């Protein structure tokens, strides 16, 4: 598909047809980068640990947040020995 690069203030831009955006899964944001002589436009990667806080709250609400391996002694503990 050939498209025109348009002037947008001091920048330039292209219009991306809605069917192409839908096919690529692009909605509100896009990651854009240069590889060789090509512009790559793709869905942003999810943030690391996205959703972990909500998931941990759900686990705690179900009472499933107990320690699996139990407590570990620290050097500062009085009964600590090797």
N, C-alpha and C. Protein backbone atom coordinates (compact mmCIF):
# COMPACT_ATOMS: atom_id res chain seq x y z
N UNK A 1 0.84 -1.16 0.00
CA UNK A 1 0.00 0.00 0.00
C UNK A 1 0.89 1.24 0.00
N UNK A 2 0.62 2.15 -0.85
CA UNK A 2 1.35 3.41 -0.92
C UNK A 2 0.53 4.48 -0.23
N UNK A 3 1.17 5.28 0.62
CA UNK A 3 0.47 6.35 1.33
C UNK A 3 1.30 7.62 1.28
N UNK A 4 0.68 8.74 1.55
CA UNK A 4 1.34 10.04 1.51
C UNK A 4 1.79 10.43 2.91
N UNK A 5 3.00 10.97 3.00
CA UNK A 5 3.49 11.52 4.26
C UNK A 5 2.99 12.96 4.30
N UNK A 6 2.22 13.29 5.34
CA UNK A 6 1.56 14.59 5.43
C UNK A 6 2.22 15.47 6.48
N UNK A 7 2.09 16.75 6.29
CA UNK A 7 2.60 17.73 7.25
C UNK A 7 1.60 17.86 8.40
N UNK A 8 2.10 17.74 9.65
CA UNK A 8 1.28 17.91 10.85
C UNK A 8 2.03 18.87 11.77
N UNK A 9 1.81 20.15 11.63
CA UNK A 9 2.57 21.14 12.38
C UNK A 9 4.02 21.09 11.95
N UNK A 10 4.94 20.94 12.91
CA UNK A 10 6.36 20.82 12.59
C UNK A 10 6.77 19.38 12.32
N UNK A 11 5.83 18.46 12.41
CA UNK A 11 6.12 17.04 12.21
C UNK A 11 5.53 16.55 10.91
N UNK A 12 5.67 15.27 10.67
CA UNK A 12 5.07 14.61 9.51
C UNK A 12 4.32 13.39 10.02
N UNK A 13 3.33 12.95 9.27
CA UNK A 13 2.56 11.79 9.69
C UNK A 13 1.94 11.08 8.52
N UNK A 14 1.44 9.89 8.80
CA UNK A 14 0.71 9.12 7.80
C UNK A 14 -0.62 8.69 8.42
N UNK A 15 -1.62 8.53 7.59
CA UNK A 15 -2.90 8.01 8.04
C UNK A 15 -2.89 6.50 7.82
N UNK A 16 -3.26 5.79 8.87
CA UNK A 16 -3.31 4.33 8.79
C UNK A 16 -4.77 3.92 8.72
N UNK A 17 -5.18 3.23 7.66
CA UNK A 17 -6.58 2.83 7.53
C UNK A 17 -7.03 1.95 8.70
N UNK A 18 -8.27 2.13 9.13
CA UNK A 18 -8.83 1.41 10.26
C UNK A 18 -8.71 -0.12 10.12
N UNK A 19 -8.95 -0.69 8.94
CA UNK A 19 -8.81 -2.15 8.82
C UNK A 19 -7.39 -2.64 9.12
N UNK A 20 -6.38 -1.84 8.76
CA UNK A 20 -5.00 -2.23 9.06
C UNK A 20 -4.73 -2.16 10.57
N UNK A 21 -5.25 -1.12 11.22
CA UNK A 21 -5.09 -1.00 12.67
C UNK A 21 -5.75 -2.18 13.38
N UNK A 22 -6.93 -2.54 12.93
CA UNK A 22 -7.65 -3.66 13.53
C UNK A 22 -6.89 -4.97 13.31
N UNK A 23 -6.40 -5.18 12.11
CA UNK A 23 -5.66 -6.40 11.78
C UNK A 23 -4.39 -6.52 12.64
N UNK A 24 -3.73 -5.39 12.93
CA UNK A 24 -2.50 -5.40 13.74
C UNK A 24 -2.79 -5.39 15.23
N UNK A 25 -4.06 -5.19 15.62
CA UNK A 25 -4.41 -5.14 17.03
C UNK A 25 -4.00 -3.85 17.70
N UNK A 26 -3.91 -2.77 16.93
CA UNK A 26 -3.54 -1.46 17.48
C UNK A 26 -4.79 -0.69 17.83
N UNK A 27 -4.82 -0.13 19.06
CA UNK A 27 -6.00 0.62 19.49
C UNK A 27 -5.62 2.05 19.86
N UNK A 28 -5.16 2.26 21.10
CA UNK A 28 -4.89 3.62 21.57
C UNK A 28 -3.43 4.02 21.48
N UNK A 29 -2.53 3.06 21.56
CA UNK A 29 -1.10 3.36 21.55
C UNK A 29 -0.38 2.40 20.61
N UNK A 30 0.80 2.83 20.18
CA UNK A 30 1.65 1.98 19.34
C UNK A 30 3.10 2.25 19.68
N UNK A 31 3.90 1.22 19.57
CA UNK A 31 5.35 1.37 19.71
C UNK A 31 5.88 1.54 18.30
N UNK A 32 6.77 2.50 18.11
CA UNK A 32 7.33 2.76 16.79
C UNK A 32 8.85 2.77 16.90
N UNK A 33 9.51 2.09 15.99
CA UNK A 33 10.96 2.03 16.00
C UNK A 33 11.49 1.87 14.58
N UNK A 34 12.78 2.07 14.44
CA UNK A 34 13.43 1.97 13.13
C UNK A 34 14.28 0.71 13.13
N UNK A 35 14.11 -0.10 12.11
CA UNK A 35 14.96 -1.27 11.88
C UNK A 35 15.47 -1.19 10.44
N UNK A 36 16.76 -0.99 10.31
CA UNK A 36 17.33 -0.78 8.97
C UNK A 36 16.74 0.48 8.36
N UNK A 37 16.10 0.34 7.21
CA UNK A 37 15.49 1.50 6.56
C UNK A 37 13.96 1.44 6.64
N UNK A 38 13.44 0.74 7.68
CA UNK A 38 11.99 0.58 7.81
C UNK A 38 11.50 1.09 9.16
N UNK A 39 10.32 1.68 9.16
CA UNK A 39 9.63 2.03 10.41
C UNK A 39 8.77 0.84 10.80
N UNK A 40 8.89 0.41 12.02
CA UNK A 40 8.09 -0.69 12.55
C UNK A 40 7.09 -0.10 13.52
N UNK A 41 5.82 -0.38 13.31
CA UNK A 41 4.74 0.07 14.19
C UNK A 41 4.10 -1.20 14.74
N UNK A 42 4.09 -1.33 16.09
CA UNK A 42 3.52 -2.54 16.68
C UNK A 42 2.87 -2.22 18.02
N UNK A 43 2.10 -3.22 18.50
CA UNK A 43 1.46 -3.06 19.81
C UNK A 43 2.53 -2.91 20.88
N UNK A 44 2.30 -2.04 21.86
CA UNK A 44 3.27 -1.90 22.94
C UNK A 44 3.34 -3.19 23.76
N UNK A 45 4.53 -3.50 24.26
CA UNK A 45 4.70 -4.66 25.13
C UNK A 45 4.07 -4.33 26.48
N UNK A 46 3.44 -5.32 27.10
CA UNK A 46 2.86 -5.04 28.42
C UNK A 46 3.96 -4.70 29.42
N UNK A 47 3.62 -3.87 30.38
CA UNK A 47 4.57 -3.48 31.42
C UNK A 47 4.98 -4.72 32.22
N UNK A 48 6.25 -4.81 32.61
CA UNK A 48 6.66 -5.94 33.44
C UNK A 48 5.81 -6.00 34.71
N UNK A 49 5.42 -7.20 35.06
CA UNK A 49 4.62 -7.45 36.27
C UNK A 49 3.24 -6.79 36.23
N UNK A 50 2.76 -6.46 35.05
CA UNK A 50 1.43 -5.87 34.94
C UNK A 50 0.40 -6.84 35.50
N UNK A 51 -0.46 -6.34 36.38
CA UNK A 51 -1.52 -7.16 36.95
C UNK A 51 -1.12 -7.94 38.20
N UNK A 52 0.16 -7.90 38.59
CA UNK A 52 0.60 -8.67 39.76
C UNK A 52 -0.06 -8.18 41.03
N UNK A 53 -0.21 -6.87 41.21
CA UNK A 53 -0.79 -6.33 42.44
C UNK A 53 -2.23 -6.82 42.60
N UNK A 54 -3.01 -6.75 41.53
CA UNK A 54 -4.40 -7.21 41.59
C UNK A 54 -4.46 -8.71 41.86
N UNK A 55 -3.59 -9.48 41.22
CA UNK A 55 -3.57 -10.92 41.42
C UNK A 55 -3.21 -11.28 42.86
N UNK A 56 -2.25 -10.57 43.45
CA UNK A 56 -1.86 -10.87 44.82
C UNK A 56 -2.99 -10.53 45.79
N UNK A 57 -3.75 -9.47 45.52
CA UNK A 57 -4.89 -9.13 46.36
C UNK A 57 -5.96 -10.22 46.29
N UNK A 58 -6.19 -10.75 45.11
CA UNK A 58 -7.18 -11.83 44.95
C UNK A 58 -6.73 -13.08 45.69
N UNK A 59 -5.44 -13.40 45.62
CA UNK A 59 -4.90 -14.56 46.32
C UNK A 59 -5.06 -14.39 47.83
N UNK A 60 -4.75 -13.20 48.33
CA UNK A 60 -4.88 -12.92 49.76
C UNK A 60 -6.35 -13.00 50.19
N UNK A 61 -7.26 -12.49 49.36
CA UNK A 61 -8.68 -12.53 49.69
C UNK A 61 -9.20 -13.96 49.81
N UNK A 62 -8.62 -14.87 49.04
CA UNK A 62 -9.00 -16.28 49.10
C UNK A 62 -8.28 -17.02 50.23
N UNK A 63 -7.35 -16.33 50.91
CA UNK A 63 -6.61 -16.96 52.00
C UNK A 63 -5.53 -17.92 51.52
N UNK A 64 -5.09 -17.74 50.30
CA UNK A 64 -4.09 -18.64 49.72
C UNK A 64 -2.70 -18.01 49.70
N UNK A 65 -2.43 -17.10 50.64
CA UNK A 65 -1.15 -16.39 50.63
C UNK A 65 -0.22 -16.84 51.75
N UNK A 66 -0.39 -18.07 52.22
CA UNK A 66 0.50 -18.57 53.28
C UNK A 66 1.86 -18.93 52.68
N UNK A 67 2.88 -18.97 53.53
CA UNK A 67 4.22 -19.33 53.09
C UNK A 67 4.26 -20.81 52.72
N UNK A 68 4.85 -21.13 51.60
CA UNK A 68 4.93 -22.52 51.15
C UNK A 68 6.09 -23.23 51.84
N UNK A 69 7.21 -22.56 52.02
CA UNK A 69 8.39 -23.18 52.60
C UNK A 69 8.56 -22.87 54.09
N UNK A 70 7.66 -22.12 54.66
CA UNK A 70 7.79 -21.77 56.07
C UNK A 70 8.76 -20.62 56.27
N UNK A 71 9.03 -20.33 57.54
CA UNK A 71 9.93 -19.24 57.89
C UNK A 71 11.38 -19.67 57.78
N UNK A 72 12.25 -18.71 57.50
CA UNK A 72 13.69 -18.93 57.44
C UNK A 72 14.34 -18.13 58.55
N UNK A 73 15.36 -18.71 59.18
CA UNK A 73 16.08 -17.99 60.23
C UNK A 73 17.02 -16.97 59.61
N UNK A 74 17.25 -15.88 60.35
CA UNK A 74 18.19 -14.85 59.93
C UNK A 74 19.38 -14.86 60.89
N UNK A 75 20.49 -14.31 60.45
CA UNK A 75 21.67 -14.24 61.30
C UNK A 75 21.38 -13.53 62.61
N UNK A 76 20.50 -12.56 62.62
CA UNK A 76 20.21 -11.78 63.82
C UNK A 76 19.36 -12.57 64.83
N UNK A 77 18.75 -13.67 64.39
CA UNK A 77 17.95 -14.47 65.31
C UNK A 77 18.83 -15.10 66.38
N UNK A 78 18.33 -15.17 67.63
CA UNK A 78 19.11 -15.69 68.75
C UNK A 78 19.48 -17.15 68.59
N UNK A 79 18.59 -17.95 68.03
CA UNK A 79 18.86 -19.39 67.92
C UNK A 79 19.48 -19.78 66.57
N UNK A 80 20.07 -18.82 65.89
CA UNK A 80 20.65 -19.09 64.57
C UNK A 80 21.98 -19.84 64.72
N UNK A 81 22.12 -20.95 64.05
CA UNK A 81 23.38 -21.71 64.00
C UNK A 81 23.50 -22.33 62.63
N UNK A 82 24.71 -22.62 62.24
CA UNK A 82 24.93 -23.32 60.97
C UNK A 82 24.84 -24.77 61.19
